[in-house]
C-alpha atoms as a PDB file:
ATOM      1  CA  UNK A   1      76.099  74.416 101.539  1.00  0.00           C
ATOM      2  CA  UNK A   2      73.914  77.201 102.820  1.00  0.00           C
ATOM      3  CA  UNK A   3      71.235  79.396 101.309  1.00  0.00           C
ATOM      4  CA  UNK A   4      72.244  83.006 100.743  1.00  0.00           C
ATOM      5  CA  UNK A   5      69.158  84.238  98.901  1.00  0.00           C
ATOM      6  CA  UNK A   6      65.658  82.975  98.297  1.00  0.00           C
ATOM      7  CA  UNK A   7      64.690  81.372  95.045  1.00  0.00           C
ATOM      8  CA  UNK A   8      62.339  83.508  92.970  1.00  0.00           C
ATOM      9  CA  UNK A   9      60.340  83.078  89.818  1.00  0.00           C
ATOM     10  CA  UNK A  10      62.112  85.998  88.149  1.00  0.00           C
ATOM     11  CA  UNK A  11      63.879  85.267  84.860  1.00  0.00           C
ATOM     12  CA  UNK A  12      67.573  84.447  85.221  1.00  0.00           C
ATOM     13  CA  UNK A  13      69.933  87.319  84.463  1.00  0.00           C
ATOM     14  CA  UNK A  14      73.666  87.780  84.436  1.00  0.00           C
ATOM     15  CA  UNK A  15      74.891  89.043  87.778  1.00  0.00           C
ATOM     16  CA  UNK A  16      77.158  92.061  88.026  1.00  0.00           C
ATOM     17  CA  UNK A  17      80.688  91.712  89.335  1.00  0.00           C
ATOM     18  CA  UNK A  18      79.649  93.528  92.506  1.00  0.00           C
ATOM     19  CA  UNK A  19      76.842  91.032  93.103  1.00  0.00           C
ATOM     20  CA  UNK A  20      79.183  88.110  92.510  1.00  0.00           C
ATOM     21  CA  UNK A  21      81.740  89.485  94.958  1.00  0.00           C
ATOM     22  CA  UNK A  22      79.041  90.097  97.554  1.00  0.00           C
ATOM     23  CA  UNK A  23      78.038  86.447  97.351  1.00  0.00           C
ATOM     24  CA  UNK A  24      81.657  85.375  97.562  1.00  0.00           C
ATOM     25  CA  UNK A  25      82.219  87.539 100.642  1.00  0.00           C
ATOM     26  CA  UNK A  26      79.134  86.021 102.263  1.00  0.00           C
ATOM     27  CA  UNK A  27      80.760  82.622 101.855  1.00  0.00           C
ATOM     28  CA  UNK A  28      84.030  83.925 103.276  1.00  0.00           C
ATOM     29  CA  UNK A  29      82.179  85.448 106.218  1.00  0.00           C
ATOM     30  CA  UNK A  30      80.750  82.023 106.948  1.00  0.00           C
ATOM     31  CA  UNK A  31      84.233  80.577 107.168  1.00  0.00           C
ATOM     32  CA  UNK A  32      85.002  79.772 103.546  1.00  0.00           C
ATOM     33  CA  UNK A  33      88.584  80.283 102.406  1.00  0.00           C
ATOM     34  CA  UNK A  34      89.316  82.097  99.145  1.00  0.00           C
ATOM     35  CA  UNK A  35      90.483  79.651  96.480  1.00  0.00           C
ATOM     36  CA  UNK A  36      94.226  79.976  95.899  1.00  0.00           C
ATOM     37  CA  UNK A  37      94.690  83.590  97.094  1.00  0.00           C
ATOM     38  CA  UNK A  38      96.446  84.154 100.428  1.00  0.00           C
ATOM     39  CA  UNK A  39      94.462  86.181 103.021  1.00  0.00           C
ATOM     40  CA  UNK A  40      97.146  88.897 102.950  1.00  0.00           C
ATOM     41  CA  UNK A  41      96.977  89.381  99.182  1.00  0.00           C
ATOM     42  CA  UNK A  42      96.076  92.964  98.113  1.00  0.00           C
ATOM     43  CA  UNK A  43      93.222  91.800  95.887  1.00  0.00           C
ATOM     44  CA  UNK A  44      91.050  91.156  98.939  1.00  0.00           C
ATOM     45  CA  UNK A  45      90.853  94.853  99.846  1.00  0.00           C
ATOM     46  CA  UNK A  46      90.243  95.905  96.237  1.00  0.00           C
ATOM     47  CA  UNK A  47      87.289  93.526  95.926  1.00  0.00           C
ATOM     48  CA  UNK A  48      85.562  95.519  98.656  1.00  0.00           C
ATOM     49  CA  UNK A  49      85.699  98.697  96.548  1.00  0.00           C
ATOM     50  CA  UNK A  50      82.163  99.034  95.140  1.00  0.00           C
ATOM     51  CA  UNK A  51      83.089 101.897  92.806  1.00  0.00           C
ATOM     52  CA  UNK A  52      85.746  99.775  91.112  1.00  0.00           C
ATOM     53  CA  UNK A  53      83.427  96.782  90.878  1.00  0.00           C
ATOM     54  CA  UNK A  54      80.819  98.937  89.144  1.00  0.00           C
ATOM     55  CA  UNK A  55      83.440  99.958  86.570  1.00  0.00           C
ATOM     56  CA  UNK A  56      84.020  96.267  85.870  1.00  0.00           C
ATOM     57  CA  UNK A  57      80.734  96.181  83.962  1.00  0.00           C
ATOM     58  CA  UNK A  58      82.454  98.085  81.138  1.00  0.00           C
ATOM     59  CA  UNK A  59      85.216  95.519  80.663  1.00  0.00           C
ATOM     60  CA  UNK A  60      83.387  93.710  77.877  1.00  0.00           C
ATOM     61  CA  UNK A  61      83.500  96.755  75.609  1.00  0.00           C
ATOM     62  CA  UNK A  62      84.779  96.088  72.093  1.00  0.00           C
ATOM     63  CA  UNK A  63      87.056  99.141  72.308  1.00  0.00           C
ATOM     64  CA  UNK A  64      88.561  98.200  75.688  1.00  0.00           C
ATOM     65  CA  UNK A  65      92.105  99.399  76.313  1.00  0.00           C
ATOM     66  CA  UNK A  66      94.312  98.791  79.358  1.00  0.00           C
ATOM     67  CA  UNK A  67      94.381 101.545  81.965  1.00  0.00           C
ATOM     68  CA  UNK A  68      97.673 100.476  83.534  1.00  0.00           C
ATOM     69  CA  UNK A  69      99.342  97.603  81.684  1.00  0.00           C
ATOM     70  CA  UNK A  70     101.217  98.106  78.434  1.00  0.00           C
ATOM     71  CA  UNK A  71     100.574  95.880  75.414  1.00  0.00           C
ATOM     72  CA  UNK A  72     103.312  93.357  76.154  1.00  0.00           C
ATOM     73  CA  UNK A  73     102.420  93.126  79.853  1.00  0.00           C
ATOM     74  CA  UNK A  74      98.784  92.553  78.944  1.00  0.00           C
ATOM     75  CA  UNK A  75      99.673  89.785  76.479  1.00  0.00           C
ATOM     76  CA  UNK A  76     101.907  88.106  79.062  1.00  0.00           C
ATOM     77  CA  UNK A  77      99.180  88.321  81.691  1.00  0.00           C
ATOM     78  CA  UNK A  78      96.598  86.760  79.360  1.00  0.00           C
ATOM     79  CA  UNK A  79      98.902  83.811  78.641  1.00  0.00           C
ATOM     80  CA  UNK A  80     100.005  83.309  82.246  1.00  0.00           C
ATOM     81  CA  UNK A  81      96.471  83.598  83.604  1.00  0.00           C
ATOM     82  CA  UNK A  82      95.113  81.022  81.169  1.00  0.00           C
ATOM     83  CA  UNK A  83      97.951  78.639  82.001  1.00  0.00           C
ATOM     84  CA  UNK A  84      97.558  79.049  85.782  1.00  0.00           C
ATOM     85  CA  UNK A  85      93.742  79.007  85.848  1.00  0.00           C
ATOM     86  CA  UNK A  86      92.208  77.680  82.608  1.00  0.00           C
ATOM     87  CA  UNK A  87      89.186  79.735  81.613  1.00  0.00           C
ATOM     88  CA  UNK A  88      90.768  83.027  82.649  1.00  0.00           C
ATOM     89  CA  UNK A  89      90.665  84.425  79.122  1.00  0.00           C
ATOM     90  CA  UNK A  90      86.918  83.898  78.844  1.00  0.00           C
ATOM     91  CA  UNK A  91      86.462  85.426  82.297  1.00  0.00           C
ATOM     92  CA  UNK A  92      88.477  88.493  81.143  1.00  0.00           C
ATOM     93  CA  UNK A  93      90.827  88.137  84.088  1.00  0.00           C
ATOM     94  CA  UNK A  94      93.453  90.380  82.480  1.00  0.00           C
ATOM     95  CA  UNK A  95      90.985  93.229  82.052  1.00  0.00           C
ATOM     96  CA  UNK A  96      89.740  93.002  85.615  1.00  0.00           C
ATOM     97  CA  UNK A  97      93.260  92.904  87.048  1.00  0.00           C
ATOM     98  CA  UNK A  98      94.208  95.927  84.934  1.00  0.00           C
ATOM     99  CA  UNK A  99      91.210  97.803  86.365  1.00  0.00           C
ATOM    100  CA  UNK A 100      92.154  96.884  89.930  1.00  0.00           C
ATOM    101  CA  UNK A 101      95.778  97.880  89.410  1.00  0.00           C
ATOM    102  CA  UNK A 102      94.704 101.247  88.008  1.00  0.00           C
ATOM    103  CA  UNK A 103      93.363 102.236  91.453  1.00  0.00           C
ATOM    104  CA  UNK A 104      95.815 100.282  93.623  1.00  0.00           C
ATOM    105  CA  UNK A 105      98.838 101.608  95.476  1.00  0.00           C
ATOM    106  CA  UNK A 106     102.130 102.328  93.752  1.00  0.00           C
ATOM    107  CA  UNK A 107     103.760  99.561  95.803  1.00  0.00           C
ATOM    108  CA  UNK A 108     101.268  96.913  94.713  1.00  0.00           C
ATOM    109  CA  UNK A 109     101.499  98.004  91.076  1.00  0.00           C
ATOM    110  CA  UNK A 110     105.294  97.832  91.246  1.00  0.00           C
ATOM    111  CA  UNK A 111     105.174  94.368  92.800  1.00  0.00           C
ATOM    112  CA  UNK A 112     102.769  93.126  90.140  1.00  0.00           C
ATOM    113  CA  UNK A 113     104.936  94.355  87.274  1.00  0.00           C
ATOM    114  CA  UNK A 114     108.005  92.895  88.989  1.00  0.00           C
ATOM    115  CA  UNK A 115     106.300  89.507  89.283  1.00  0.00           C
ATOM    116  CA  UNK A 116     105.192  89.557  85.668  1.00  0.00           C
ATOM    117  CA  UNK A 117     108.715  90.510  84.630  1.00  0.00           C
ATOM    118  CA  UNK A 118     110.277  87.768  86.751  1.00  0.00           C
ATOM    119  CA  UNK A 119     108.293  85.030  85.004  1.00  0.00           C
ATOM    120  CA  UNK A 120     109.043  86.586  81.620  1.00  0.00           C
ATOM    121  CA  UNK A 121     112.753  86.663  82.480  1.00  0.00           C
ATOM    122  CA  UNK A 122     112.580  82.993  83.467  1.00  0.00           C
ATOM    123  CA  UNK A 123     110.865  82.222  80.163  1.00  0.00           C
ATOM    124  CA  UNK A 124     113.682  83.907  78.239  1.00  0.00           C
ATOM    125  CA  UNK A 125     116.308  82.135  80.346  1.00  0.00           C
ATOM    126  CA  UNK A 126     114.725  78.691  80.155  1.00  0.00           C
ATOM    127  CA  UNK A 127     113.389  78.693  76.592  1.00  0.00           C
ATOM    128  CA  UNK A 128     114.666  81.832  74.852  1.00  0.00           C
ATOM    129  CA  UNK A 129     111.126  83.095  74.169  1.00  0.00           C
ATOM    130  CA  UNK A 130     108.481  85.344  75.707  1.00  0.00           C
ATOM    131  CA  UNK A 131     105.946  83.436  77.776  1.00  0.00           C
ATOM    132  CA  UNK A 132     103.037  83.898  75.288  1.00  0.00           C
ATOM    133  CA  UNK A 133     105.202  82.293  72.566  1.00  0.00           C
ATOM    134  CA  UNK A 134     105.888  79.132  74.573  1.00  0.00           C
ATOM    135  CA  UNK A 135     104.245  75.828  73.797  1.00  0.00           C
ATOM    136  CA  UNK A 136     101.702  74.726  76.436  1.00  0.00           C
ATOM    137  CA  UNK A 137     104.111  72.058  77.648  1.00  0.00           C
ATOM    138  CA  UNK A 138     106.856  74.664  78.056  1.00  0.00           C
ATOM    139  CA  UNK A 139     104.540  76.998  79.937  1.00  0.00           C
ATOM    140  CA  UNK A 140     103.637  74.139  82.232  1.00  0.00           C
ATOM    141  CA  UNK A 141     107.290  73.293  82.926  1.00  0.00           C
ATOM    142  CA  UNK A 142     108.104  76.907  83.731  1.00  0.00           C
ATOM    143  CA  UNK A 143     105.147  77.301  86.074  1.00  0.00           C
ATOM    144  CA  UNK A 144     105.902  74.026  87.805  1.00  0.00           C
ATOM    145  CA  UNK A 145     109.422  75.281  88.490  1.00  0.00           C
ATOM    146  CA  UNK A 146     108.086  78.609  89.763  1.00  0.00           C
ATOM    147  CA  UNK A 147     105.511  76.968  92.023  1.00  0.00           C
ATOM    148  CA  UNK A 148     107.995  74.495  93.467  1.00  0.00           C
ATOM    149  CA  UNK A 149     110.463  77.032  94.807  1.00  0.00           C
ATOM    150  CA  UNK A 150     113.832  75.666  95.893  1.00  0.00           C
ATOM    151  CA  UNK A 151     116.846  76.220  98.092  1.00  0.00           C
ATOM    152  CA  UNK A 152     118.513  78.829  95.885  1.00  0.00           C
ATOM    153  CA  UNK A 153     117.619  82.477  96.480  1.00  0.00           C
ATOM    154  CA  UNK A 154     116.691  82.859  92.809  1.00  0.00           C
ATOM    155  CA  UNK A 155     114.255  79.947  93.113  1.00  0.00           C
ATOM    156  CA  UNK A 156     112.681  81.426  96.236  1.00  0.00           C
ATOM    157  CA  UNK A 157     112.305  84.807  94.532  1.00  0.00           C
ATOM    158  CA  UNK A 158     110.681  83.219  91.483  1.00  0.00           C
ATOM    159  CA  UNK A 159     108.288  81.334  93.763  1.00  0.00           C
ATOM    160  CA  UNK A 160     107.353  84.557  95.554  1.00  0.00           C
ATOM    161  CA  UNK A 161     106.561  86.235  92.246  1.00  0.00           C
ATOM    162  CA  UNK A 162     104.540  83.240  91.101  1.00  0.00           C
ATOM    163  CA  UNK A 163     102.460  83.289  94.287  1.00  0.00           C
ATOM    164  CA  UNK A 164     101.802  87.012  93.862  1.00  0.00           C
ATOM    165  CA  UNK A 165     100.561  86.546  90.298  1.00  0.00           C
ATOM    166  CA  UNK A 166      98.531  83.479  91.253  1.00  0.00           C
ATOM    167  CA  UNK A 167      96.754  85.505  93.914  1.00  0.00           C
ATOM    168  CA  UNK A 168      95.783  88.221  91.446  1.00  0.00           C
ATOM    169  CA  UNK A 169      94.699  85.739  88.789  1.00  0.00           C
ATOM    170  CA  UNK A 170      92.732  83.416  91.047  1.00  0.00           C
ATOM    171  CA  UNK A 171      91.084  86.320  92.828  1.00  0.00           C
ATOM    172  CA  UNK A 172      89.995  87.872  89.549  1.00  0.00           C
ATOM    173  CA  UNK A 173      88.806  84.546  88.138  1.00  0.00           C
ATOM    174  CA  UNK A 174      86.876  83.259  91.149  1.00  0.00           C
ATOM    175  CA  UNK A 175      85.144  86.604  91.677  1.00  0.00           C
ATOM    176  CA  UNK A 176      83.645  86.320  88.186  1.00  0.00           C
ATOM    177  CA  UNK A 177      80.423  84.489  87.419  1.00  0.00           C
ATOM    178  CA  UNK A 178      82.343  81.922  85.374  1.00  0.00           C
ATOM    179  CA  UNK A 179      84.699  81.250  88.259  1.00  0.00           C
ATOM    180  CA  UNK A 180      81.950  81.007  90.851  1.00  0.00           C
ATOM    181  CA  UNK A 181      79.990  78.583  88.707  1.00  0.00           C
ATOM    182  CA  UNK A 182      83.129  76.509  88.397  1.00  0.00           C
ATOM    183  CA  UNK A 183      83.128  76.214  92.187  1.00  0.00           C
ATOM    184  CA  UNK A 184      79.542  74.960  92.128  1.00  0.00           C
ATOM    185  CA  UNK A 185      77.768  78.250  92.760  1.00  0.00           C
ATOM    186  CA  UNK A 186      74.117  78.577  91.736  1.00  0.00           C
ATOM    187  CA  UNK A 187      71.928  81.717  91.993  1.00  0.00           C
ATOM    188  CA  UNK A 188      70.349  80.648  95.276  1.00  0.00           C
ATOM    189  CA  UNK A 189      73.198  78.777  96.950  1.00  0.00           C
ATOM    190  CA  UNK A 190      76.953  78.952  97.410  1.00  0.00           C
ATOM    191  CA  UNK A 191      79.528  76.698  99.044  1.00  0.00           C
ATOM    192  CA  UNK A 192      80.167  77.267 102.716  1.00  0.00           C
ATOM    193  CA  UNK A 193      83.708  76.095 101.985  1.00  0.00           C
ATOM    194  CA  UNK A 194      85.294  76.142  98.571  1.00  0.00           C
ATOM    195  CA  UNK A 195      86.707  72.960  97.042  1.00  0.00           C
ATOM    196  CA  UNK A 196      90.417  72.808  96.340  1.00  0.00           C
ATOM    197  CA  UNK A 197      91.830  73.467  92.896  1.00  0.00           C
ATOM    198  CA  UNK A 198      91.554  70.316  90.831  1.00  0.00           C
ATOM    199  CA  UNK A 199      93.299  71.341  87.615  1.00  0.00           C
ATOM    200  CA  UNK A 200      95.486  68.480  86.371  1.00  0.00           C
ATOM    201  CA  UNK A 201      98.529  70.534  85.459  1.00  0.00           C
ATOM    202  CA  UNK A 202      99.752  70.505  89.047  1.00  0.00           C
ATOM    203  CA  UNK A 203     101.208  74.015  89.296  1.00  0.00           C
ATOM    204  CA  UNK A 204      98.009  75.676  90.432  1.00  0.00           C
END
């Protein structure tokens, strides 16, 4: 571990998303790898957009509405995010991803929607229900299949879509204060290398 800011006697306050990302990038600059998100994932570039990060402070509004996702897509994202990285709902991962997608490229938005749709299609095929309607055990089985990949082209495609969604979800979660604290972050220190995901479900 290494010190990234001096301890002060000032009262503790909730950090902004921009401040959290700055601390996370300091750790990455020191050689830390981002938890779960591949280096090539588009979320990395978006998390360097200060204007977007400042807008993230409005995500807790009681009258929040998606800027990009429709109602069904948002509900699917909430359920998938919570199943892939528990705690995502509390960290408002869906809202942050929606904000990022609203300023991202058309290609990245298309790929995100395609990935969300691919897991929903698998849910209908495997269980005859939308992903949010699945039992936790069913969600886990579906995600385990998606994360495992396989020799069939359809399995490889599903795995690709799963990895894309996982990158968005993990990036949004671990750039939040809740996510950083889960990694062991404290206001004056941060890991020089992040620990691996230790969720028991196995598909993370």
